[in-house]
Amino acid sequence: MAVKKVTKRERRRSERVDAKVSMRVEGTHDGDSTQIVTESQNISSSGVYCMSSHYLPPLSRVQLTLVMPRIPGHDSAQELLKCEGMVVRCELSKSRKHEHPYELACMFADMPGPRRQRIADFVTWRNLQSLRNALKASPRRSPSVALAKKKTAARKKTAVRRTATPVAKKRKVAGASRTGR
């Protein structure tokens, strides 16, 4: 019986990164104006995911203000990015132990190209930082060193077999002479 491999298809068009970016979400629910100060859990050039202290209904319009940090090596300084967004998802968190019990995902609805590019540059920079940190944390071995270690281990196994073989033959021969063969 053939087993069908199930892969989850990524629906996002833009790359995202886990990052804590300070932000403010302003919206309305049941006629009440709501202002939420929080930080993102992840961000991409198309939207942001964060924890919220208030419920905001899906498809409602919100005003987002993001405090984008400076990217080392770029001309950009820390800046406030303001844009209009749309709530895509707002659900109760599985762990409601904190002051922000809702998981809130917002799509950027009205963001000019340069601001969107600023977020895309930040995402790329953070992903490169994560990759560099992962490479630093892993033990560095060049392929030639690993290959040399494998060859050395194989030689040791072969040497053990070679030395064991004559001893075993001597035992068999000695045993055969005792039995009178």
C-alpha atoms as a PDB file:
ATOM      1  CA  MET A   1       0.000   0.000   0.000  1.00  0.00           C
ATOM      2  CA  ALA A   2       1.431   3.358  -1.041  1.00  0.00           C
ATOM      3  CA  VAL A   3       1.681   6.066   1.586  1.00  0.00           C
ATOM      4  CA  LYS A   4       0.790   9.513   0.361  1.00  0.00           C
ATOM      5  CA  LYS A   5       3.141  12.203   1.614  1.00  0.00           C
ATOM      6  CA  VAL A   6       1.267  15.228   2.927  1.00  0.00           C
ATOM      7  CA  THR A   7       3.016  18.570   2.752  1.00  0.00           C
ATOM      8  CA  LYS A   8       1.651  21.813   4.076  1.00  0.00           C
ATOM      9  CA  ARG A   9       1.600  24.442   1.377  1.00  0.00           C
ATOM     10  CA  GLU A  10       2.794  27.884   2.419  1.00  0.00           C
ATOM     11  CA  ARG A  11       0.102  30.393   1.512  1.00  0.00           C
ATOM     12  CA  ARG A  12       2.185  33.487   2.115  1.00  0.00           C
ATOM     13  CA  ARG A  13       3.845  35.142  -0.836  1.00  0.00           C
ATOM     14  CA  SER A  14       6.360  37.066   1.225  1.00  0.00           C
ATOM     15  CA  GLU A  15       9.004  35.789   3.578  1.00  0.00           C
ATOM     16  CA  ARG A  16       8.396  36.233   7.302  1.00  0.00           C
ATOM     17  CA  VAL A  17      10.555  36.226  10.411  1.00  0.00           C
ATOM     18  CA  ASP A  18       9.956  35.699  14.123  1.00  0.00           C
ATOM     19  CA  ALA A  19      10.674  39.133  15.558  1.00  0.00           C
ATOM     20  CA  LYS A  20       9.621  41.269  18.496  1.00  0.00           C
ATOM     21  CA  VAL A  21       8.726  44.643  16.984  1.00  0.00           C
ATOM     22  CA  SER A  22       6.937  47.158  19.212  1.00  0.00           C
ATOM     23  CA  MET A  23       3.598  48.149  17.752  1.00  0.00           C
ATOM     24  CA  ARG A  24       0.217  49.727  18.361  1.00  0.00           C
ATOM     25  CA  VAL A  25      -3.113  48.567  16.936  1.00  0.00           C
ATOM     26  CA  GLU A  26      -6.093  50.938  16.899  1.00  0.00           C
ATOM     27  CA  GLY A  27      -9.531  49.693  15.947  1.00  0.00           C
ATOM     28  CA  THR A  28     -13.169  49.616  16.925  1.00  0.00           C
ATOM     29  CA  HIS A  29     -15.372  46.819  18.204  1.00  0.00           C
ATOM     30  CA  ASP A  30     -19.056  47.235  19.064  1.00  0.00           C
ATOM     31  CA  GLY A  31     -18.686  51.009  18.711  1.00  0.00           C
ATOM     32  CA  ASP A  32     -15.861  51.195  21.251  1.00  0.00           C
ATOM     33  CA  SER A  33     -12.475  52.533  20.196  1.00  0.00           C
ATOM     34  CA  THR A  34      -9.663  50.178  21.169  1.00  0.00           C
ATOM     35  CA  GLN A  35      -5.950  50.919  21.392  1.00  0.00           C
ATOM     36  CA  ILE A  36      -3.654  47.925  21.902  1.00  0.00           C
ATOM     37  CA  VAL A  37       0.047  48.316  22.683  1.00  0.00           C
ATOM     38  CA  THR A  38       1.860  45.061  22.006  1.00  0.00           C
ATOM     39  CA  GLU A  39       4.761  43.563  20.075  1.00  0.00           C
ATOM     40  CA  SER A  40       4.796  41.362  17.044  1.00  0.00           C
ATOM     41  CA  GLN A  41       5.436  37.634  17.186  1.00  0.00           C
ATOM     42  CA  ASN A  42       6.322  37.480  13.491  1.00  0.00           C
ATOM     43  CA  ILE A  43       6.242  39.904  10.598  1.00  0.00           C
ATOM     44  CA  SER A  44       6.432  39.951   6.810  1.00  0.00           C
ATOM     45  CA  SER A  45       6.053  42.649   4.184  1.00  0.00           C
ATOM     46  CA  SER A  46       2.416  41.620   3.819  1.00  0.00           C
ATOM     47  CA  GLY A  47       1.307  41.469   7.458  1.00  0.00           C
ATOM     48  CA  VAL A  48       1.990  41.018  11.138  1.00  0.00           C
ATOM     49  CA  TYR A  49       1.032  38.525  13.865  1.00  0.00           C
ATOM     50  CA  CYS A  50       0.814  39.593  17.508  1.00  0.00           C
ATOM     51  CA  MET A  51      -0.935  38.995  20.815  1.00  0.00           C
ATOM     52  CA  SER A  52      -3.850  41.280  21.715  1.00  0.00           C
ATOM     53  CA  SER A  53      -5.607  42.238  24.931  1.00  0.00           C
ATOM     54  CA  HIS A  54      -8.891  42.830  23.060  1.00  0.00           C
ATOM     55  CA  TYR A  55     -10.944  40.966  20.510  1.00  0.00           C
ATOM     56  CA  LEU A  56     -11.119  42.609  17.087  1.00  0.00           C
ATOM     57  CA  PRO A  57     -13.480  41.018  14.540  1.00  0.00           C
ATOM     58  CA  PRO A  58     -12.024  39.594  11.316  1.00  0.00           C
ATOM     59  CA  LEU A  59     -12.249  41.881   8.273  1.00  0.00           C
ATOM     60  CA  SER A  60     -12.349  44.990  10.484  1.00  0.00           C
ATOM     61  CA  ARG A  61     -10.091  47.909   9.588  1.00  0.00           C
ATOM     62  CA  VAL A  62      -7.319  48.888  12.011  1.00  0.00           C
ATOM     63  CA  GLN A  63      -4.587  51.492  12.146  1.00  0.00           C
ATOM     64  CA  LEU A  64      -1.151  49.956  12.715  1.00  0.00           C
ATOM     65  CA  THR A  65       1.961  51.723  13.982  1.00  0.00           C
ATOM     66  CA  LEU A  66       5.195  49.696  13.935  1.00  0.00           C
ATOM     67  CA  VAL A  67       8.493  50.774  15.495  1.00  0.00           C
ATOM     68  CA  MET A  68      10.947  49.416  12.946  1.00  0.00           C
ATOM     69  CA  PRO A  69      14.471  49.060  14.372  1.00  0.00           C
ATOM     70  CA  ARG A  70      17.598  50.250  12.629  1.00  0.00           C
ATOM     71  CA  ILE A  71      19.212  47.743  10.286  1.00  0.00           C
ATOM     72  CA  PRO A  72      23.009  47.701  10.753  1.00  0.00           C
ATOM     73  CA  GLY A  73      24.844  48.544   7.557  1.00  0.00           C
ATOM     74  CA  HIS A  74      21.873  50.411   6.050  1.00  0.00           C
ATOM     75  CA  ASP A  75      21.147  54.118   5.907  1.00  0.00           C
ATOM     76  CA  SER A  76      17.820  53.568   7.644  1.00  0.00           C
ATOM     77  CA  ALA A  77      17.410  54.640  11.245  1.00  0.00           C
ATOM     78  CA  GLN A  78      14.720  53.482  13.664  1.00  0.00           C
ATOM     79  CA  GLU A  79      11.400  54.739  12.321  1.00  0.00           C
ATOM     80  CA  LEU A  80       7.671  54.630  12.891  1.00  0.00           C
ATOM     81  CA  LEU A  81       5.713  52.979  10.099  1.00  0.00           C
ATOM     82  CA  LYS A  82       2.014  53.838  10.093  1.00  0.00           C
ATOM     83  CA  CYS A  83      -0.462  52.141   7.827  1.00  0.00           C
ATOM     84  CA  GLU A  84      -3.965  50.835   7.547  1.00  0.00           C
ATOM     85  CA  GLY A  85      -4.516  47.133   8.088  1.00  0.00           C
ATOM     86  CA  MET A  86      -7.230  44.528   8.076  1.00  0.00           C
ATOM     87  CA  VAL A  87      -7.758  41.893  10.758  1.00  0.00           C
ATOM     88  CA  VAL A  88      -7.375  38.468   9.168  1.00  0.00           C
ATOM     89  CA  ARG A  89      -7.713  36.373  12.326  1.00  0.00           C
ATOM     90  CA  CYS A  90      -8.429  36.987  16.000  1.00  0.00           C
ATOM     91  CA  GLU A  91      -8.685  33.877  18.174  1.00  0.00           C
ATOM     92  CA  LEU A  92      -8.375  33.027  21.839  1.00  0.00           C
ATOM     93  CA  SER A  93      -4.874  31.850  22.631  1.00  0.00           C
ATOM     94  CA  LYS A  94      -4.408  28.265  23.816  1.00  0.00           C
ATOM     95  CA  SER A  95      -2.460  29.583  26.803  1.00  0.00           C
ATOM     96  CA  ARG A  96      -4.577  32.370  28.291  1.00  0.00           C
ATOM     97  CA  LYS A  97      -2.259  32.958  31.216  1.00  0.00           C
ATOM     98  CA  HIS A  98      -1.042  36.362  30.081  1.00  0.00           C
ATOM     99  CA  GLU A  99      -2.584  39.792  29.704  1.00  0.00           C
ATOM    100  CA  HIS A 100      -2.926  39.384  25.919  1.00  0.00           C
ATOM    101  CA  PRO A 101      -5.296  36.409  25.487  1.00  0.00           C
ATOM    102  CA  TYR A 102      -5.978  36.839  21.753  1.00  0.00           C
ATOM    103  CA  GLU A 103      -3.859  35.874  18.770  1.00  0.00           C
ATOM    104  CA  LEU A 104      -4.235  38.649  16.212  1.00  0.00           C
ATOM    105  CA  ALA A 105      -3.123  38.498  12.574  1.00  0.00           C
ATOM    106  CA  CYS A 106      -3.362  41.629  10.439  1.00  0.00           C
ATOM    107  CA  MET A 107      -2.719  42.177   6.756  1.00  0.00           C
ATOM    108  CA  PHE A 108      -1.220  45.486   5.620  1.00  0.00           C
ATOM    109  CA  ALA A 109      -3.951  47.039   3.473  1.00  0.00           C
ATOM    110  CA  ASP A 110      -2.627  50.432   2.512  1.00  0.00           C
ATOM    111  CA  MET A 111       1.143  50.601   2.633  1.00  0.00           C
ATOM    112  CA  PRO A 112       3.253  52.473   0.088  1.00  0.00           C
ATOM    113  CA  GLY A 113       6.032  50.551  -1.677  1.00  0.00           C
ATOM    114  CA  PRO A 114       9.009  52.130   0.161  1.00  0.00           C
ATOM    115  CA  ARG A 115       7.506  51.296   3.580  1.00  0.00           C
ATOM    116  CA  ARG A 116       6.741  47.752   2.484  1.00  0.00           C
ATOM    117  CA  GLN A 117      10.326  47.448   1.188  1.00  0.00           C
ATOM    118  CA  ARG A 118      11.625  48.681   4.562  1.00  0.00           C
ATOM    119  CA  ILE A 119       9.855  45.767   6.260  1.00  0.00           C
ATOM    120  CA  ALA A 120      11.099  43.325   3.586  1.00  0.00           C
ATOM    121  CA  ASP A 121      14.689  44.527   4.199  1.00  0.00           C
ATOM    122  CA  PHE A 122      14.242  44.025   7.934  1.00  0.00           C
ATOM    123  CA  VAL A 123      12.878  40.496   7.411  1.00  0.00           C
ATOM    124  CA  THR A 124      15.799  39.579   5.144  1.00  0.00           C
ATOM    125  CA  TRP A 125      18.315  41.004   7.606  1.00  0.00           C
ATOM    126  CA  ARG A 126      16.816  39.098  10.563  1.00  0.00           C
ATOM    127  CA  ASN A 127      16.696  35.832   8.600  1.00  0.00           C
ATOM    128  CA  LEU A 128      20.366  36.268   7.677  1.00  0.00           C
ATOM    129  CA  GLN A 129      21.194  36.932  11.352  1.00  0.00           C
ATOM    130  CA  SER A 130      19.392  33.729  12.348  1.00  0.00           C
ATOM    131  CA  LEU A 131      21.294  31.771   9.716  1.00  0.00           C
ATOM    132  CA  ARG A 132      24.642  33.195  10.869  1.00  0.00           C
ATOM    133  CA  ASN A 133      23.848  32.375  14.503  1.00  0.00           C
ATOM    134  CA  ALA A 134      22.861  28.822  13.564  1.00  0.00           C
ATOM    135  CA  LEU A 135      26.125  28.344  11.693  1.00  0.00           C
ATOM    136  CA  LYS A 136      28.133  29.667  14.641  1.00  0.00           C
ATOM    137  CA  ALA A 137      26.330  27.338  17.042  1.00  0.00           C
ATOM    138  CA  SER A 138      26.898  24.183  14.985  1.00  0.00           C
ATOM    139  CA  PRO A 139      30.307  22.480  15.145  1.00  0.00           C
ATOM    140  CA  ARG A 140      32.325  23.431  12.121  1.00  0.00           C
ATOM    141  CA  ARG A 141      33.704  20.539  10.139  1.00  0.00           C
ATOM    142  CA  SER A 142      34.959  20.771   6.651  1.00  0.00           C
ATOM    143  CA  PRO A 143      33.945  17.915   4.345  1.00  0.00           C
ATOM    144  CA  SER A 144      37.584  16.789   4.048  1.00  0.00           C
ATOM    145  CA  VAL A 145      37.935  16.462   7.850  1.00  0.00           C
ATOM    146  CA  ALA A 146      34.731  14.427   8.088  1.00  0.00           C
ATOM    147  CA  LEU A 147      35.853  12.189   5.217  1.00  0.00           C
ATOM    148  CA  ALA A 148      39.276  11.685   6.836  1.00  0.00           C
ATOM    149  CA  LYS A 149      37.603  10.649  10.114  1.00  0.00           C
ATOM    150  CA  LYS A 150      35.417   8.121   8.276  1.00  0.00           C
ATOM    151  CA  LYS A 151      38.463   6.652   6.501  1.00  0.00           C
ATOM    152  CA  THR A 152      40.391   6.401   9.785  1.00  0.00           C
ATOM    153  CA  ALA A 153      37.488   4.592  11.443  1.00  0.00           C
ATOM    154  CA  ALA A 154      37.225   2.194   8.478  1.00  0.00           C
ATOM    155  CA  ARG A 155      40.983   1.443   8.677  1.00  0.00           C
ATOM    156  CA  LYS A 156      40.704   0.686  12.395  1.00  0.00           C
ATOM    157  CA  LYS A 157      37.852  -1.755  11.781  1.00  0.00           C
ATOM    158  CA  THR A 158      39.821  -3.474   9.011  1.00  0.00           C
ATOM    159  CA  ALA A 159      42.920  -3.706  11.232  1.00  0.00           C
ATOM    160  CA  VAL A 160      40.883  -5.290  14.014  1.00  0.00           C
ATOM    161  CA  ARG A 161      39.479  -7.872  11.574  1.00  0.00           C
ATOM    162  CA  ARG A 162      42.953  -8.697  10.216  1.00  0.00           C
ATOM    163  CA  THR A 163      44.452  -9.259  13.641  1.00  0.00           C
ATOM    164  CA  ALA A 164      41.474 -11.283  14.806  1.00  0.00           C
ATOM    165  CA  THR A 165      41.502 -13.602  11.817  1.00  0.00           C
ATOM    166  CA  PRO A 166      44.951 -15.298  12.357  1.00  0.00           C
ATOM    167  CA  VAL A 167      44.258 -15.835  16.048  1.00  0.00           C
ATOM    168  CA  ALA A 168      40.978 -17.521  15.231  1.00  0.00           C
ATOM    169  CA  LYS A 169      42.749 -19.762  12.682  1.00  0.00           C
ATOM    170  CA  LYS A 170      45.393 -20.768  15.250  1.00  0.00           C
ATOM    171  CA  ARG A 171      42.672 -21.712  17.707  1.00  0.00           C
ATOM    172  CA  LYS A 172      40.925 -23.841  15.097  1.00  0.00           C
ATOM    173  CA  VAL A 173      44.182 -25.544  14.126  1.00  0.00           C
ATOM    174  CA  ALA A 174      45.108 -26.182  17.740  1.00  0.00           C
ATOM    175  CA  GLY A 175      41.658 -27.529  18.430  1.00  0.00           C
ATOM    176  CA  ALA A 176      41.861 -29.828  15.403  1.00  0.00           C
ATOM    177  CA  SER A 177      45.200 -31.320  16.542  1.00  0.00           C
ATOM    178  CA  ARG A 178      43.738 -32.140  19.930  1.00  0.00           C
ATOM    179  CA  THR A 179      40.903 -34.078  18.392  1.00  0.00           C
ATOM    180  CA  GLY A 180      43.328 -36.130  16.385  1.00  0.00           C
ATOM    181  CA  ARG A 181      42.698 -34.789  12.920  1.00  0.00           C
END
